[in-house]
Structure formats: C-alpha cells, structure tokens
Amino acid sequence: MAKKGHAKNTKNKAKHAKLMARKKNKQKSEQQLREERLKAIIQQANSTQIN
C-alpha cells in the first residue's frame, strides 16, 4: 500500500549521495597520489642502491 501523508524528502537524499560520492572520489584520488609518491620513492631508493 502507498504511504499516506507527506511526500518523501528526496532532495536531502540526492544531496547526501552527491556529497558521499564526492568524498569517495577524493579518497580514491588521494590514495592513487599516495601510491604514485611511494613508487617514486622506492624507485629512487633502488636506483641509489645500485650505484
């Protein structure tokens, strides 16, 4: 049966989903940046070890 009374508040849901997606994307990009930095550091360390 359909609900009687007030309509659902979908504005806040959409806003929340958008913010959470933004947060998730930010974390993913930061993680990728961290991995790239670590790879560069490891590469530099390995190249100095060989010489």
C-alpha atoms as a PDB file:
ATOM      1  CA  MET A   1       0.000   0.000   0.000  1.00  0.00           C
ATOM      2  CA  ALA A   2       1.123   3.535  -0.701  1.00  0.00           C
ATOM      3  CA  LYS A   3       2.037   5.817   2.180  1.00  0.00           C
ATOM      4  CA  LYS A   4      -0.409   8.498   3.115  1.00  0.00           C
ATOM      5  CA  GLY A   5       0.698  11.919   4.249  1.00  0.00           C
ATOM      6  CA  HIS A   6       3.861  13.838   3.382  1.00  0.00           C
ATOM      7  CA  ALA A   7       5.852  13.091   0.255  1.00  0.00           C
ATOM      8  CA  LYS A   8       9.338  11.687   0.738  1.00  0.00           C
ATOM      9  CA  ASN A   9      12.146  14.180   1.089  1.00  0.00           C
ATOM     10  CA  THR A  10      14.333  13.204  -1.866  1.00  0.00           C
ATOM     11  CA  LYS A  11      16.264  16.491  -2.007  1.00  0.00           C
ATOM     12  CA  ASN A  12      18.340  15.662   1.048  1.00  0.00           C
ATOM     13  CA  LYS A  13      18.912  12.102  -0.163  1.00  0.00           C
ATOM     14  CA  ALA A  14      20.218  13.345  -3.502  1.00  0.00           C
ATOM     15  CA  LYS A  15      22.402  15.948  -1.782  1.00  0.00           C
ATOM     16  CA  HIS A  16      23.805  13.351   0.609  1.00  0.00           C
ATOM     17  CA  ALA A  17      24.510  10.888  -2.202  1.00  0.00           C
ATOM     18  CA  LYS A  18      26.302  13.609  -4.161  1.00  0.00           C
ATOM     19  CA  LEU A  19      28.430  14.583  -1.162  1.00  0.00           C
ATOM     20  CA  MET A  20      29.286  10.975  -0.370  1.00  0.00           C
ATOM     21  CA  ALA A  21      30.290  10.351  -3.996  1.00  0.00           C
ATOM     22  CA  ARG A  22      32.499  13.435  -3.894  1.00  0.00           C
ATOM     23  CA  LYS A  23      34.119  12.193  -0.670  1.00  0.00           C
ATOM     24  CA  LYS A  24      34.674   8.736  -2.130  1.00  0.00           C
ATOM     25  CA  ASN A  25      36.257  10.173  -5.295  1.00  0.00           C
ATOM     26  CA  LYS A  26      38.507  12.421  -3.205  1.00  0.00           C
ATOM     27  CA  GLN A  27      39.704   9.496  -1.109  1.00  0.00           C
ATOM     28  CA  LYS A  28      40.336   7.425  -4.230  1.00  0.00           C
ATOM     29  CA  SER A  29      42.392  10.186  -5.866  1.00  0.00           C
ATOM     30  CA  GLU A  30      44.381  10.773  -2.657  1.00  0.00           C
ATOM     31  CA  GLN A  31      45.107   7.041  -2.408  1.00  0.00           C
ATOM     32  CA  GLN A  32      46.289   6.973  -6.023  1.00  0.00           C
ATOM     33  CA  LEU A  33      48.518  10.014  -5.441  1.00  0.00           C
ATOM     34  CA  ARG A  34      49.997   8.376  -2.337  1.00  0.00           C
ATOM     35  CA  GLU A  35      50.753   5.194  -4.290  1.00  0.00           C
ATOM     36  CA  GLU A  36      52.485   7.178  -7.040  1.00  0.00           C
ATOM     37  CA  ARG A  37      54.621   9.032  -4.484  1.00  0.00           C
ATOM     38  CA  LEU A  38      55.607   5.762  -2.808  1.00  0.00           C
ATOM     39  CA  LYS A  39      56.536   4.213  -6.155  1.00  0.00           C
ATOM     40  CA  ALA A  40      58.730   7.229  -6.949  1.00  0.00           C
ATOM     41  CA  ILE A  41      60.451   6.988  -3.559  1.00  0.00           C
ATOM     42  CA  ILE A  42      61.042   3.239  -3.947  1.00  0.00           C
ATOM     43  CA  GLN A  43      62.366   3.734  -7.465  1.00  0.00           C
ATOM     44  CA  GLN A  44      64.753   6.436  -6.263  1.00  0.00           C
ATOM     45  CA  ALA A  45      65.936   4.250  -3.379  1.00  0.00           C
ATOM     46  CA  ASN A  46      66.541   1.309  -5.693  1.00  0.00           C
ATOM     47  CA  SER A  47      68.480   3.419  -8.185  1.00  0.00           C
ATOM     48  CA  THR A  48      70.751   4.806  -5.439  1.00  0.00           C
ATOM     49  CA  GLN A  49      71.328   1.292  -4.066  1.00  0.00           C
ATOM     50  CA  ILE A  50      72.578   0.030  -7.434  1.00  0.00           C
ATOM     51  CA  ASN A  51      75.049   2.896  -7.864  1.00  0.00           C
END
